[in-house]
Amino acid sequence: MHLSHIMAAGMGGLRTAGDLVAWMQMTQKMKINAAKAYVAEKLGIEVIELSNEDVMRPIREQLGLGLVTAVAGSPKGIRAKRKVAELLGITINSVELFKKDFF
């Protein structure tokens, strides 16, 4: 958990793409540059744009990946986490447990 906090906070977390990059590092054991390249490709942007709040806010809102400041009707919590798992093609344990219990 400590590593994920450092990584997400270092790149801006939900403000940018820090949490997405951290997920790839933790779940797929990717090095940071590979994780950034993978996430950028999935989002259809350049790696340099991953840390730009002006670029990432509309992308996160459009894809339902969660935001720091909630927007009415937009995914938050486990719903946003599920969207992250789908976008990145990864398994997130809490999402899988939620699916098991509620779907």
N, C-alpha and C. Protein backbone atom coordinates (compact mmCIF):
# COMPACT_ATOMS: atom_id res chain seq x y z
N MET A 1 0.82 -1.19 0.00
CA MET A 1 0.00 0.00 0.00
C MET A 1 0.86 1.25 0.00
N HIS A 2 1.98 1.18 0.66
CA HIS A 2 2.85 2.34 0.73
C HIS A 2 3.33 2.73 -0.68
N LEU A 3 3.74 1.75 -1.47
CA LEU A 3 4.21 2.02 -2.83
C LEU A 3 3.11 2.65 -3.66
N SER A 4 1.92 2.11 -3.58
CA SER A 4 0.84 2.66 -4.40
C SER A 4 0.53 4.10 -4.02
N HIS A 5 0.60 4.42 -2.74
CA HIS A 5 0.35 5.79 -2.32
C HIS A 5 1.42 6.73 -2.87
N ILE A 6 2.66 6.33 -2.79
CA ILE A 6 3.75 7.16 -3.30
C ILE A 6 3.60 7.37 -4.80
N MET A 7 3.32 6.30 -5.51
CA MET A 7 3.20 6.40 -6.97
C MET A 7 2.01 7.26 -7.37
N ALA A 8 0.87 7.00 -6.76
CA ALA A 8 -0.33 7.76 -7.12
C ALA A 8 -0.19 9.22 -6.73
N ALA A 9 0.36 9.48 -5.57
CA ALA A 9 0.54 10.86 -5.13
C ALA A 9 1.59 11.57 -5.98
N GLY A 10 2.62 10.85 -6.37
CA GLY A 10 3.69 11.44 -7.17
C GLY A 10 3.25 11.89 -8.54
N MET A 11 2.29 11.19 -9.14
CA MET A 11 1.80 11.58 -10.47
C MET A 11 0.46 12.30 -10.39
N GLY A 12 -0.01 12.57 -9.22
CA GLY A 12 -1.27 13.29 -9.10
C GLY A 12 -2.47 12.40 -8.80
N GLY A 13 -2.28 11.10 -8.72
CA GLY A 13 -3.39 10.20 -8.37
C GLY A 13 -4.60 10.39 -9.25
N LEU A 14 -5.76 10.64 -8.65
CA LEU A 14 -7.00 10.82 -9.39
C LEU A 14 -7.04 12.12 -10.18
N ARG A 15 -6.15 13.03 -9.89
CA ARG A 15 -6.11 14.27 -10.66
C ARG A 15 -5.57 14.03 -12.05
N THR A 16 -4.69 13.06 -12.18
CA THR A 16 -4.10 12.75 -13.47
C THR A 16 -4.24 11.25 -13.74
N ALA A 17 -3.13 10.55 -13.97
CA ALA A 17 -3.20 9.11 -14.23
C ALA A 17 -2.32 8.31 -13.28
N GLY A 18 -1.93 8.91 -12.17
CA GLY A 18 -1.05 8.24 -11.22
C GLY A 18 -1.60 6.94 -10.69
N ASP A 19 -2.89 6.90 -10.41
CA ASP A 19 -3.48 5.67 -9.89
C ASP A 19 -3.50 4.58 -10.95
N LEU A 20 -3.72 4.94 -12.21
CA LEU A 20 -3.75 3.96 -13.29
C LEU A 20 -2.37 3.34 -13.50
N VAL A 21 -1.35 4.19 -13.48
CA VAL A 21 0.02 3.71 -13.64
C VAL A 21 0.38 2.81 -12.45
N ALA A 22 0.01 3.22 -11.26
CA ALA A 22 0.30 2.41 -10.06
C ALA A 22 -0.38 1.04 -10.14
N TRP A 23 -1.62 1.00 -10.65
CA TRP A 23 -2.30 -0.29 -10.80
C TRP A 23 -1.51 -1.22 -11.70
N MET A 24 -0.97 -0.71 -12.79
CA MET A 24 -0.21 -1.55 -13.72
C MET A 24 1.09 -2.02 -13.07
N GLN A 25 1.70 -1.15 -12.29
CA GLN A 25 2.93 -1.55 -11.60
C GLN A 25 2.67 -2.64 -10.58
N MET A 26 1.57 -2.51 -9.85
CA MET A 26 1.28 -3.47 -8.79
C MET A 26 0.72 -4.79 -9.32
N THR A 27 -0.20 -4.71 -10.27
CA THR A 27 -0.85 -5.94 -10.72
C THR A 27 -0.07 -6.68 -11.80
N GLN A 28 0.66 -5.97 -12.62
CA GLN A 28 1.38 -6.60 -13.73
C GLN A 28 2.89 -6.57 -13.56
N LYS A 29 3.35 -6.02 -12.44
CA LYS A 29 4.78 -5.93 -12.14
C LYS A 29 5.56 -5.15 -13.22
N MET A 30 4.91 -4.14 -13.79
CA MET A 30 5.55 -3.34 -14.83
C MET A 30 6.47 -2.31 -14.21
N LYS A 31 7.53 -2.00 -14.89
CA LYS A 31 8.38 -0.87 -14.52
C LYS A 31 7.61 0.40 -14.86
N ILE A 32 7.98 1.51 -14.24
CA ILE A 32 7.19 2.73 -14.38
C ILE A 32 7.06 3.20 -15.83
N ASN A 33 8.13 3.15 -16.61
CA ASN A 33 8.04 3.62 -17.99
C ASN A 33 7.12 2.73 -18.83
N ALA A 34 7.18 1.42 -18.61
CA ALA A 34 6.30 0.50 -19.33
C ALA A 34 4.84 0.72 -18.91
N ALA A 35 4.63 0.94 -17.62
CA ALA A 35 3.28 1.19 -17.11
C ALA A 35 2.71 2.48 -17.70
N LYS A 36 3.51 3.52 -17.75
CA LYS A 36 3.06 4.79 -18.33
C LYS A 36 2.72 4.61 -19.80
N ALA A 37 3.56 3.90 -20.54
CA ALA A 37 3.31 3.67 -21.97
C ALA A 37 2.02 2.88 -22.18
N TYR A 38 1.79 1.86 -21.35
CA TYR A 38 0.59 1.04 -21.46
C TYR A 38 -0.67 1.87 -21.20
N VAL A 39 -0.65 2.64 -20.13
CA VAL A 39 -1.81 3.45 -19.77
C VAL A 39 -2.06 4.51 -20.84
N ALA A 40 -1.02 5.16 -21.31
CA ALA A 40 -1.17 6.19 -22.34
C ALA A 40 -1.79 5.59 -23.60
N GLU A 41 -1.34 4.40 -23.97
CA GLU A 41 -1.90 3.73 -25.15
C GLU A 41 -3.38 3.43 -24.95
N LYS A 42 -3.74 2.92 -23.78
CA LYS A 42 -5.14 2.60 -23.49
C LYS A 42 -6.02 3.85 -23.53
N LEU A 43 -5.47 4.98 -23.11
CA LEU A 43 -6.22 6.23 -23.08
C LEU A 43 -6.18 6.97 -24.41
N GLY A 44 -5.27 6.57 -25.29
CA GLY A 44 -5.14 7.23 -26.59
C GLY A 44 -4.46 8.59 -26.52
N ILE A 45 -3.52 8.73 -25.58
CA ILE A 45 -2.79 9.99 -25.42
C ILE A 45 -1.30 9.72 -25.38
N GLU A 46 -0.51 10.78 -25.35
CA GLU A 46 0.94 10.67 -25.22
C GLU A 46 1.31 10.50 -23.76
N VAL A 47 2.44 9.87 -23.49
CA VAL A 47 2.91 9.64 -22.11
C VAL A 47 3.02 10.95 -21.35
N ILE A 48 3.52 11.99 -21.99
CA ILE A 48 3.71 13.29 -21.32
C ILE A 48 2.38 13.86 -20.81
N GLU A 49 1.27 13.49 -21.45
CA GLU A 49 -0.04 14.01 -21.07
C GLU A 49 -0.63 13.33 -19.84
N LEU A 50 -0.05 12.21 -19.41
CA LEU A 50 -0.56 11.49 -18.25
C LEU A 50 -0.55 12.33 -16.98
N SER A 51 0.37 13.26 -16.88
CA SER A 51 0.47 14.07 -15.67
C SER A 51 -0.14 15.47 -15.85
N ASN A 52 -0.85 15.68 -16.93
CA ASN A 52 -1.47 16.98 -17.20
C ASN A 52 -2.94 16.94 -16.77
N GLU A 53 -3.27 17.69 -15.74
CA GLU A 53 -4.63 17.70 -15.21
C GLU A 53 -5.66 18.17 -16.22
N ASP A 54 -5.27 19.12 -17.08
CA ASP A 54 -6.20 19.64 -18.07
C ASP A 54 -6.55 18.61 -19.14
N VAL A 55 -5.65 17.70 -19.40
CA VAL A 55 -5.91 16.62 -20.36
C VAL A 55 -6.67 15.48 -19.68
N MET A 56 -6.22 15.12 -18.47
CA MET A 56 -6.75 13.93 -17.82
C MET A 56 -8.15 14.11 -17.23
N ARG A 57 -8.51 15.28 -16.76
CA ARG A 57 -9.84 15.46 -16.15
C ARG A 57 -10.96 15.08 -17.11
N PRO A 58 -10.98 15.62 -18.33
CA PRO A 58 -12.08 15.23 -19.23
C PRO A 58 -12.03 13.75 -19.62
N ILE A 59 -10.84 13.19 -19.74
CA ILE A 59 -10.72 11.77 -20.08
C ILE A 59 -11.28 10.91 -18.95
N ARG A 60 -10.88 11.22 -17.72
CA ARG A 60 -11.36 10.45 -16.57
C ARG A 60 -12.88 10.58 -16.44
N GLU A 61 -13.40 11.78 -16.69
CA GLU A 61 -14.83 11.99 -16.58
C GLU A 61 -15.57 11.22 -17.68
N GLN A 62 -15.08 11.29 -18.90
CA GLN A 62 -15.72 10.61 -20.04
C GLN A 62 -15.71 9.09 -19.86
N LEU A 63 -14.60 8.55 -19.38
CA LEU A 63 -14.48 7.09 -19.22
C LEU A 63 -15.00 6.58 -17.88
N GLY A 64 -15.37 7.48 -16.98
CA GLY A 64 -15.91 7.07 -15.68
C GLY A 64 -14.87 6.46 -14.77
N LEU A 65 -13.65 7.00 -14.79
CA LEU A 65 -12.55 6.44 -14.01
C LEU A 65 -12.40 7.05 -12.63
N GLY A 66 -13.31 7.90 -12.24
CA GLY A 66 -13.25 8.54 -10.93
C GLY A 66 -12.54 9.87 -10.98
N LEU A 67 -12.97 10.78 -10.13
CA LEU A 67 -12.41 12.12 -10.04
C LEU A 67 -12.22 12.50 -8.58
N VAL A 68 -11.37 13.47 -8.34
CA VAL A 68 -11.16 13.95 -6.97
C VAL A 68 -12.44 14.62 -6.47
N THR A 69 -13.01 15.49 -7.29
CA THR A 69 -14.26 16.15 -6.94
C THR A 69 -15.39 15.45 -7.67
N ALA A 70 -16.33 14.93 -6.93
CA ALA A 70 -17.41 14.15 -7.52
C ALA A 70 -18.29 15.00 -8.43
N VAL A 71 -18.74 14.39 -9.50
CA VAL A 71 -19.68 15.01 -10.42
C VAL A 71 -20.96 14.18 -10.33
N ALA A 72 -22.07 14.85 -10.18
CA ALA A 72 -23.35 14.14 -10.04
C ALA A 72 -23.55 13.15 -11.18
N GLY A 73 -23.85 11.91 -10.81
CA GLY A 73 -24.12 10.88 -11.79
C GLY A 73 -22.90 10.16 -12.33
N SER A 74 -21.71 10.66 -12.03
CA SER A 74 -20.50 9.99 -12.53
C SER A 74 -20.09 8.87 -11.57
N PRO A 75 -19.42 7.85 -12.11
CA PRO A 75 -18.99 6.74 -11.25
C PRO A 75 -18.03 7.18 -10.16
N LYS A 76 -18.22 6.61 -8.98
CA LYS A 76 -17.29 6.83 -7.87
C LYS A 76 -17.15 5.52 -7.12
N GLY A 77 -16.16 5.43 -6.29
CA GLY A 77 -15.97 4.24 -5.48
C GLY A 77 -15.75 2.99 -6.31
N ILE A 78 -16.46 1.93 -5.94
CA ILE A 78 -16.27 0.63 -6.58
C ILE A 78 -16.67 0.66 -8.04
N ARG A 79 -17.64 1.49 -8.38
CA ARG A 79 -18.07 1.61 -9.78
C ARG A 79 -16.94 2.16 -10.64
N ALA A 80 -16.24 3.18 -10.15
CA ALA A 80 -15.10 3.75 -10.88
C ALA A 80 -13.97 2.73 -10.95
N LYS A 81 -13.76 2.00 -9.86
CA LYS A 81 -12.70 0.99 -9.84
C LYS A 81 -12.97 -0.11 -10.86
N ARG A 82 -14.24 -0.46 -11.02
CA ARG A 82 -14.61 -1.46 -12.02
C ARG A 82 -14.28 -0.97 -13.43
N LYS A 83 -14.53 0.31 -13.69
CA LYS A 83 -14.21 0.90 -14.99
C LYS A 83 -12.70 0.88 -15.23
N VAL A 84 -11.92 1.14 -14.19
CA VAL A 84 -10.45 1.10 -14.29
C VAL A 84 -10.01 -0.31 -14.65
N ALA A 85 -10.55 -1.31 -13.97
CA ALA A 85 -10.19 -2.71 -14.25
C ALA A 85 -10.52 -3.09 -15.69
N GLU A 86 -11.67 -2.66 -16.17
CA GLU A 86 -12.07 -2.97 -17.54
C GLU A 86 -11.16 -2.28 -18.55
N LEU A 87 -10.87 -1.01 -18.33
CA LEU A 87 -10.02 -0.26 -19.25
C LEU A 87 -8.62 -0.86 -19.34
N LEU A 88 -8.03 -1.18 -18.20
CA LEU A 88 -6.66 -1.65 -18.17
C LEU A 88 -6.53 -3.15 -18.39
N GLY A 89 -7.65 -3.86 -18.35
CA GLY A 89 -7.61 -5.31 -18.55
C GLY A 89 -6.94 -6.04 -17.40
N ILE A 90 -7.23 -5.58 -16.17
CA ILE A 90 -6.62 -6.18 -14.98
C ILE A 90 -7.71 -6.68 -14.03
N THR A 91 -7.30 -7.48 -13.08
CA THR A 91 -8.20 -7.95 -12.04
C THR A 91 -7.92 -7.18 -10.76
N ILE A 92 -8.96 -6.59 -10.20
CA ILE A 92 -8.85 -5.89 -8.93
C ILE A 92 -9.71 -6.68 -7.94
N ASN A 93 -9.09 -7.18 -6.90
CA ASN A 93 -9.77 -8.09 -5.97
C ASN A 93 -11.08 -7.54 -5.43
N SER A 94 -11.10 -6.30 -5.01
CA SER A 94 -12.33 -5.74 -4.44
C SER A 94 -13.45 -5.69 -5.47
N VAL A 95 -13.10 -5.46 -6.71
CA VAL A 95 -14.11 -5.45 -7.78
C VAL A 95 -14.64 -6.87 -7.99
N GLU A 96 -13.75 -7.84 -8.00
CA GLU A 96 -14.16 -9.23 -8.18
C GLU A 96 -15.06 -9.69 -7.02
N LEU A 97 -14.72 -9.31 -5.80
CA LEU A 97 -15.55 -9.66 -4.65
C LEU A 97 -16.93 -9.02 -4.76
N PHE A 98 -16.96 -7.78 -5.20
CA PHE A 98 -18.24 -7.07 -5.36
C PHE A 98 -19.10 -7.76 -6.42
N LYS A 99 -18.47 -8.12 -7.55
CA LYS A 99 -19.21 -8.81 -8.61
C LYS A 99 -19.80 -10.13 -8.09
N LYS A 100 -18.98 -10.84 -7.34
CA LYS A 100 -19.39 -12.14 -6.80
C LYS A 100 -20.61 -11.99 -5.87
N ASP A 101 -20.59 -10.95 -5.06
CA ASP A 101 -21.66 -10.76 -4.08
C ASP A 101 -22.92 -10.12 -4.66
N PHE A 102 -22.77 -9.30 -5.72
CA PHE A 102 -23.91 -8.53 -6.18
C PHE A 102 -24.33 -8.80 -7.61
N PHE A 103 -23.60 -9.62 -8.35
CA PHE A 103 -23.99 -9.88 -9.75
C PHE A 103 -24.13 -11.35 -10.00
